[in-house]
N, C-alpha and C. Protein backbone atom coordinates (compact mmCIF):
# COMPACT_ATOMS: atom_id res chain seq x y z
N MET A 1 0.71 -1.31 -0.17
CA MET A 1 -0.01 0.06 -0.16
C MET A 1 0.75 1.16 -0.11
N ASP A 2 2.04 1.18 0.23
CA ASP A 2 3.43 2.47 0.20
C ASP A 2 3.21 2.84 -0.86
N PRO A 3 3.29 2.13 -2.37
CA PRO A 3 3.41 3.28 -3.56
C PRO A 3 2.01 3.82 -3.67
N LEU A 4 1.17 3.62 -2.93
CA LEU A 4 -0.46 4.00 -3.46
C LEU A 4 -0.38 5.27 -2.58
N HIS A 5 -0.71 4.94 -1.31
CA HIS A 5 -0.62 6.15 -0.40
C HIS A 5 0.59 7.00 -0.22
N PHE A 6 1.30 6.40 -0.81
CA PHE A 6 2.96 8.01 -0.99
C PHE A 6 2.34 8.62 -2.56
N GLY A 7 1.99 7.98 -3.75
CA GLY A 7 1.71 8.26 -4.76
C GLY A 7 3.11 8.28 -5.58
N ASP A 8 3.86 7.12 -5.62
CA ASP A 8 5.81 7.11 -5.80
C ASP A 8 5.15 5.96 -6.80
N PHE A 9 4.08 5.25 -7.47
CA PHE A 9 4.04 4.27 -8.40
C PHE A 9 4.56 4.82 -9.81
N ALA A 10 4.71 6.03 -10.27
CA ALA A 10 4.90 6.07 -11.67
C ALA A 10 5.58 7.57 -11.53
N GLY A 11 6.31 7.17 -10.76
CA GLY A 11 7.65 8.48 -10.74
C GLY A 11 7.23 9.71 -10.47
N LEU A 12 7.76 10.83 -10.68
CA LEU A 12 7.70 12.30 -10.16
C LEU A 12 6.13 12.90 -10.47
N THR A 13 5.64 12.40 -11.90
CA THR A 13 4.41 12.51 -12.23
C THR A 13 3.12 12.37 -11.28
N SER A 14 3.39 11.04 -10.86
CA SER A 14 2.24 10.66 -9.81
C SER A 14 2.53 11.22 -8.30
N ARG A 15 3.58 11.95 -8.32
CA ARG A 15 3.66 12.31 -6.81
C ARG A 15 3.00 13.76 -7.19
N LEU A 16 3.36 14.02 -8.14
CA LEU A 16 3.08 15.55 -8.52
C LEU A 16 1.01 15.60 -8.36
N VAL A 17 0.76 14.56 -8.76
CA VAL A 17 -0.52 14.51 -9.12
C VAL A 17 -1.16 14.53 -7.61
N TRP A 18 -0.41 13.66 -6.58
CA TRP A 18 -0.65 13.31 -5.70
C TRP A 18 -1.10 14.60 -4.34
N SER A 19 0.11 15.26 -4.78
CA SER A 19 0.39 16.56 -4.39
C SER A 19 -0.55 17.80 -4.45
N VAL A 20 -1.24 17.71 -5.71
CA VAL A 20 -2.23 18.42 -6.23
C VAL A 20 -3.76 18.35 -5.09
N PHE A 21 -3.94 16.85 -5.47
CA PHE A 21 -4.84 16.44 -5.07
C PHE A 21 -5.17 16.47 -3.18
N GLY A 22 -3.70 16.25 -2.58
CA GLY A 22 -3.75 16.63 -1.13
C GLY A 22 -4.11 18.16 -0.95
N LEU A 23 -3.92 19.01 -1.89
CA LEU A 23 -3.87 20.36 -1.42
C LEU A 23 -5.05 20.80 -1.77
N VAL A 24 -5.92 20.37 -3.07
CA VAL A 24 -7.15 20.85 -3.02
C VAL A 24 -8.03 20.11 -1.75
N LEU A 25 -7.44 19.04 -1.47
CA LEU A 25 -8.73 18.56 -0.81
C LEU A 25 -8.36 19.25 1.21
N SER A 26 -7.49 19.74 1.29
CA SER A 26 -7.00 20.76 2.37
C SER A 26 -7.47 21.91 2.07
N ALA A 27 -7.34 22.63 0.85
CA ALA A 27 -8.11 23.87 0.84
C ALA A 27 -9.41 23.88 0.68
N SER A 28 -10.11 22.77 0.34
CA SER A 28 -11.93 23.00 0.32
C SER A 28 -12.32 22.66 1.81
N ALA A 29 -11.55 22.01 2.51
CA ALA A 29 -12.27 21.91 4.00
C ALA A 29 -12.27 23.12 4.70
N LEU A 30 -10.90 23.80 4.45
CA LEU A 30 -10.63 25.79 5.22
C LEU A 30 -11.64 26.25 4.39
N SER A 31 -11.90 26.02 3.21
CA SER A 31 -12.46 27.46 2.45
C SER A 31 -14.03 26.42 3.06
N GLY A 32 -14.09 25.64 3.08
CA GLY A 32 -15.54 25.53 3.61
C GLY A 32 -16.29 25.93 5.25
N ALA A 33 -15.17 25.88 5.90
CA ALA A 33 -15.18 26.49 6.83
C ALA A 33 -15.03 28.08 7.22
N ILE A 34 -14.64 28.73 6.15
CA ILE A 34 -14.52 30.19 5.79
C ILE A 34 -15.73 30.65 5.21
N LEU A 35 -16.49 29.59 4.33
CA LEU A 35 -17.73 29.79 4.09
C LEU A 35 -18.64 30.38 4.96
N MET A 36 -18.45 28.96 5.61
CA MET A 36 -19.90 28.94 6.47
C MET A 36 -19.89 29.91 7.93
N ALA A 37 -18.66 30.53 7.65
CA ALA A 37 -18.87 31.43 8.74
C ALA A 37 -18.74 32.94 8.25
N ARG A 38 -18.94 32.63 6.83
CA ARG A 38 -19.13 34.22 6.53
C ARG A 38 -20.90 34.60 6.51
N SER A 39 -21.13 33.25 5.54
CA SER A 39 -22.76 32.97 5.08
C SER A 39 -23.63 33.37 6.84
N ALA A 40 -22.83 32.76 7.59
CA ALA A 40 -23.78 32.80 9.10
C ALA A 40 -23.83 34.24 9.32
N ARG A 41 -22.39 34.95 9.11
CA ARG A 41 -22.59 36.44 9.74
C ARG A 41 -22.87 37.42 8.81
N GLN A 42 -23.66 36.80 7.42
CA GLN A 42 -24.19 37.60 6.60
C GLN A 42 -25.60 37.82 7.03
N ARG A 43 -25.88 36.41 7.70
CA ARG A 43 -27.59 36.12 7.65
C ARG A 43 -27.93 36.73 8.94
N GLY A 44 -26.73 37.81 9.81
CA GLY A 44 -26.61 38.26 11.16
C GLY A 44 -26.95 37.34 12.11
N GLY A 45 -26.50 36.12 11.95
CA GLY A 45 -26.25 35.16 12.72
C GLY A 45 -25.14 34.82 13.28
N ARG A 46 -24.77 33.73 14.09
CA ARG A 46 -23.48 33.53 14.51
C ARG A 46 -23.04 32.15 14.05
N PRO A 47 -22.01 31.87 13.42
CA PRO A 47 -21.77 30.13 12.90
C PRO A 47 -22.24 29.66 14.14
N ARG A 48 -22.28 28.18 13.47
CA ARG A 48 -22.71 27.08 14.49
C ARG A 48 -21.57 26.31 15.31
N ALA A 49 -21.61 27.04 16.13
CA ALA A 49 -20.22 26.98 17.14
C ALA A 49 -20.63 26.96 18.95
N ALA A 50 -20.01 26.45 19.22
CA ALA A 50 -20.34 26.31 20.69
C ALA A 50 -19.79 27.79 21.44
N GLY A 51 -19.24 28.03 23.01
CA GLY A 51 -19.38 28.98 23.32
C GLY A 51 -17.62 29.76 22.70
N ARG A 52 -17.21 30.66 23.58
CA ARG A 52 -15.69 31.15 23.05
C ARG A 52 -15.07 30.37 23.90
N SER A 53 -15.35 29.20 25.03
CA SER A 53 -14.30 28.60 25.39
C SER A 53 -14.08 27.45 25.14
N VAL A 54 -15.46 26.95 23.82
CA VAL A 54 -14.75 25.65 23.33
C VAL A 54 -13.83 26.05 21.92
N ARG A 55 -14.39 27.35 21.52
CA ARG A 55 -13.63 27.60 20.63
C ARG A 55 -11.92 28.02 20.72
N TRP A 56 -11.34 28.29 21.99
CA TRP A 56 -9.98 28.88 22.69
C TRP A 56 -9.57 27.50 22.92
N ALA A 57 -10.45 26.26 23.28
CA ALA A 57 -9.73 25.31 23.15
C ALA A 57 -9.53 24.22 22.09
N GLY A 58 -10.34 24.21 20.90
CA GLY A 58 -10.03 24.06 19.46
C GLY A 58 -8.69 24.62 18.94
N LEU A 59 -8.43 26.04 18.92
CA LEU A 59 -7.05 26.52 18.85
C LEU A 59 -6.05 26.27 19.25
N ILE A 60 -6.24 25.65 20.80
CA ILE A 60 -5.13 25.49 21.59
C ILE A 60 -5.08 24.02 21.09
N LEU A 61 -5.94 23.44 21.19
CA LEU A 61 -5.66 21.79 20.67
C LEU A 61 -4.86 21.81 19.36
N GLY A 62 -5.74 22.09 17.82
CA GLY A 62 -5.05 22.63 16.88
C GLY A 62 -3.92 22.71 16.87
N LEU A 63 -3.10 23.95 17.71
CA LEU A 63 -1.55 24.09 17.70
C LEU A 63 -0.79 23.43 18.26
N ALA A 64 -1.84 22.37 19.17
CA ALA A 64 -0.38 21.71 19.95
C ALA A 64 -0.41 20.48 19.37
N VAL A 65 -1.64 19.85 18.40
CA VAL A 65 -1.47 19.28 17.00
C VAL A 65 -0.36 19.27 16.46
N ILE A 66 -0.14 20.64 16.03
CA ILE A 66 0.71 20.86 14.71
C ILE A 66 2.40 21.04 15.40
N ALA A 67 1.92 21.47 16.46
CA ALA A 67 3.51 21.40 17.58
C ALA A 67 3.87 20.10 17.68
N VAL A 68 3.02 19.15 17.97
CA VAL A 68 3.72 17.46 17.92
C VAL A 68 3.71 16.65 16.52
N ALA A 69 3.46 17.44 15.22
CA ALA A 69 3.52 16.90 14.19
C ALA A 69 4.97 17.71 13.72
N ALA A 70 4.82 18.89 14.42
CA ALA A 70 6.41 19.52 13.90
C ALA A 70 7.44 18.91 14.80
N GLU A 71 7.08 18.46 15.84
CA GLU A 71 8.83 17.78 16.59
C GLU A 71 8.70 16.49 16.04
N GLY A 72 7.82 15.70 15.53
CA GLY A 72 7.93 14.36 14.46
C GLY A 72 8.94 14.59 13.78
N GLY A 73 8.46 15.53 13.07
CA GLY A 73 9.25 16.04 11.65
C GLY A 73 10.79 16.44 11.77
N TRP A 74 10.81 17.20 12.98
CA TRP A 74 12.28 17.32 13.36
C TRP A 74 13.35 16.18 13.36
N ALA A 75 12.14 15.08 14.23
CA ALA A 75 12.80 13.86 14.89
C ALA A 75 13.46 13.24 13.58
N GLU A 76 12.63 13.13 13.04
CA GLU A 76 12.53 12.85 10.90
C GLU A 76 13.73 13.23 10.43
N TYR A 77 13.62 14.26 10.13
CA TYR A 77 15.12 15.14 10.01
C TYR A 77 16.06 15.10 10.11
N VAL A 78 16.19 15.03 11.76
CA VAL A 78 17.79 14.49 12.62
C VAL A 78 17.90 13.31 12.44
N ASP A 79 17.03 12.46 12.34
CA ASP A 79 17.37 10.74 11.89
C ASP A 79 17.66 10.96 9.93
N PHE A 80 17.33 11.53 9.49
CA PHE A 80 17.97 11.52 8.25
C PHE A 80 19.20 12.07 7.92
N SER A 81 19.74 13.02 8.40
CA SER A 81 20.63 13.57 8.56
C SER A 81 21.92 13.03 9.28
N ARG A 82 21.46 11.91 9.88
CA ARG A 82 22.37 11.52 10.56
C ARG A 82 23.05 10.54 9.59
N ALA A 83 22.47 9.96 8.37
CA ALA A 83 22.69 8.52 7.80
C ALA A 83 22.93 9.39 6.83
N ALA A 84 22.89 10.26 5.83
CA ALA A 84 22.78 10.87 5.08
C ALA A 84 22.90 12.54 4.81
N PRO A 85 23.48 13.04 3.85
CA PRO A 85 23.35 14.65 4.07
C PRO A 85 22.16 14.83 3.72
N VAL A 86 20.95 15.64 4.71
CA VAL A 86 19.91 16.38 4.08
C VAL A 86 20.23 17.79 3.16
N PRO A 87 19.48 18.05 2.10
CA PRO A 87 19.29 19.14 1.84
C PRO A 87 18.83 20.36 2.95
N SER A 88 19.33 21.76 2.66
CA SER A 88 18.43 22.58 3.53
C SER A 88 17.48 22.81 2.95
N GLY A 89 16.93 22.70 2.13
CA GLY A 89 15.66 22.81 1.73
C GLY A 89 14.45 22.21 2.34
N VAL A 90 15.30 20.65 2.95
CA VAL A 90 14.39 20.17 4.16
C VAL A 90 14.05 20.98 5.18
N TYR A 91 14.55 21.92 5.65
CA TYR A 91 14.70 22.39 6.82
C TYR A 91 13.63 23.20 6.49
N VAL A 92 13.99 24.17 5.54
CA VAL A 92 12.97 24.91 4.93
C VAL A 92 11.67 24.52 5.03
N VAL A 93 11.15 23.48 4.28
CA VAL A 93 10.01 22.82 4.19
C VAL A 93 9.23 22.33 5.26
N ILE A 94 10.07 22.04 6.48
CA ILE A 94 9.32 22.03 7.57
C ILE A 94 8.89 23.59 8.43
N VAL A 95 9.90 24.37 8.67
CA VAL A 95 9.76 25.64 8.96
C VAL A 95 8.48 26.25 8.31
N GLY A 96 7.95 26.17 6.41
CA GLY A 96 7.05 26.66 6.33
C GLY A 96 6.03 25.85 6.66
N TRP A 97 6.03 24.74 6.59
CA TRP A 97 4.93 23.79 6.65
C TRP A 97 4.38 23.97 7.94
N ILE A 98 5.14 24.65 9.22
CA ILE A 98 4.51 25.12 10.83
C ILE A 98 3.99 25.96 10.44
N ALA A 99 4.70 27.16 9.42
CA ALA A 99 4.19 28.21 10.08
C ALA A 99 2.87 28.50 9.14
N VAL A 100 2.74 27.97 7.62
CA VAL A 100 1.19 28.11 6.87
C VAL A 100 0.18 27.31 7.88
N THR A 101 0.66 26.12 8.27
CA THR A 101 -0.52 25.59 8.95
C THR A 101 -0.80 26.35 10.28
N ALA A 102 -0.15 26.72 11.25
CA ALA A 102 -0.01 27.50 12.11
C ALA A 102 -1.15 28.76 12.20
N ALA A 103 -0.85 29.50 10.84
CA ALA A 103 -1.17 30.44 10.18
C ALA A 103 -3.05 30.02 9.48
N ALA A 104 -3.02 29.14 8.67
CA ALA A 104 -4.11 28.74 8.72
C ALA A 104 -5.12 28.43 9.80
N THR A 105 -4.81 27.59 10.59
CA THR A 105 -5.36 27.24 12.09
C THR A 105 -5.86 28.44 12.36
N ALA A 106 -4.97 29.86 12.76
CA ALA A 106 -5.32 30.84 13.86
C ALA A 106 -6.33 31.49 12.90
N PHE A 107 -6.30 31.67 11.55
CA PHE A 107 -7.27 32.59 10.49
C PHE A 107 -8.45 31.94 10.69
N TRP A 108 -8.34 30.54 10.90
CA TRP A 108 -9.87 29.84 10.72
C TRP A 108 -10.45 30.26 11.92
N PHE A 109 -9.81 30.02 13.22
CA PHE A 109 -10.24 30.47 14.55
C PHE A 109 -11.08 31.80 14.19
N TYR A 110 -10.01 32.81 13.43
CA TYR A 110 -10.17 34.06 13.84
C TYR A 110 -11.49 34.50 12.93
N GLU A 111 -11.33 33.80 11.99
CA GLU A 111 -13.09 33.85 11.20
C GLU A 111 -14.25 33.28 11.94
N LEU A 112 -14.19 32.35 12.40
CA LEU A 112 -14.99 31.43 13.63
C LEU A 112 -15.53 32.58 14.64
N ARG A 113 -14.94 33.54 14.87
CA ARG A 113 -15.17 34.39 16.12
C ARG A 113 -16.40 34.46 16.42
């Protein structure tokens, strides 16, 4: 199942297609939440969400999951860099992923205010 999961059964082309589909899936989940919040606000109501404390708990939990995943990514980077030199671009991707994911999570919760 690894070739199908990672999309590496047909080389670079399949990896690019898998990456695009993954980005589209992630973007559709985020844009759906933003549209739900905006449409509720335009109707004069509030998004269907619990109280402020629940939203803050969700934000903290979301950022904690990002932190745990980032720590795991960093541990993988360190393990691979011991076995073979890892390009500095990997470091940029890890830091960029953390920044973009944290910003998207914070923006999502900002829109649900």
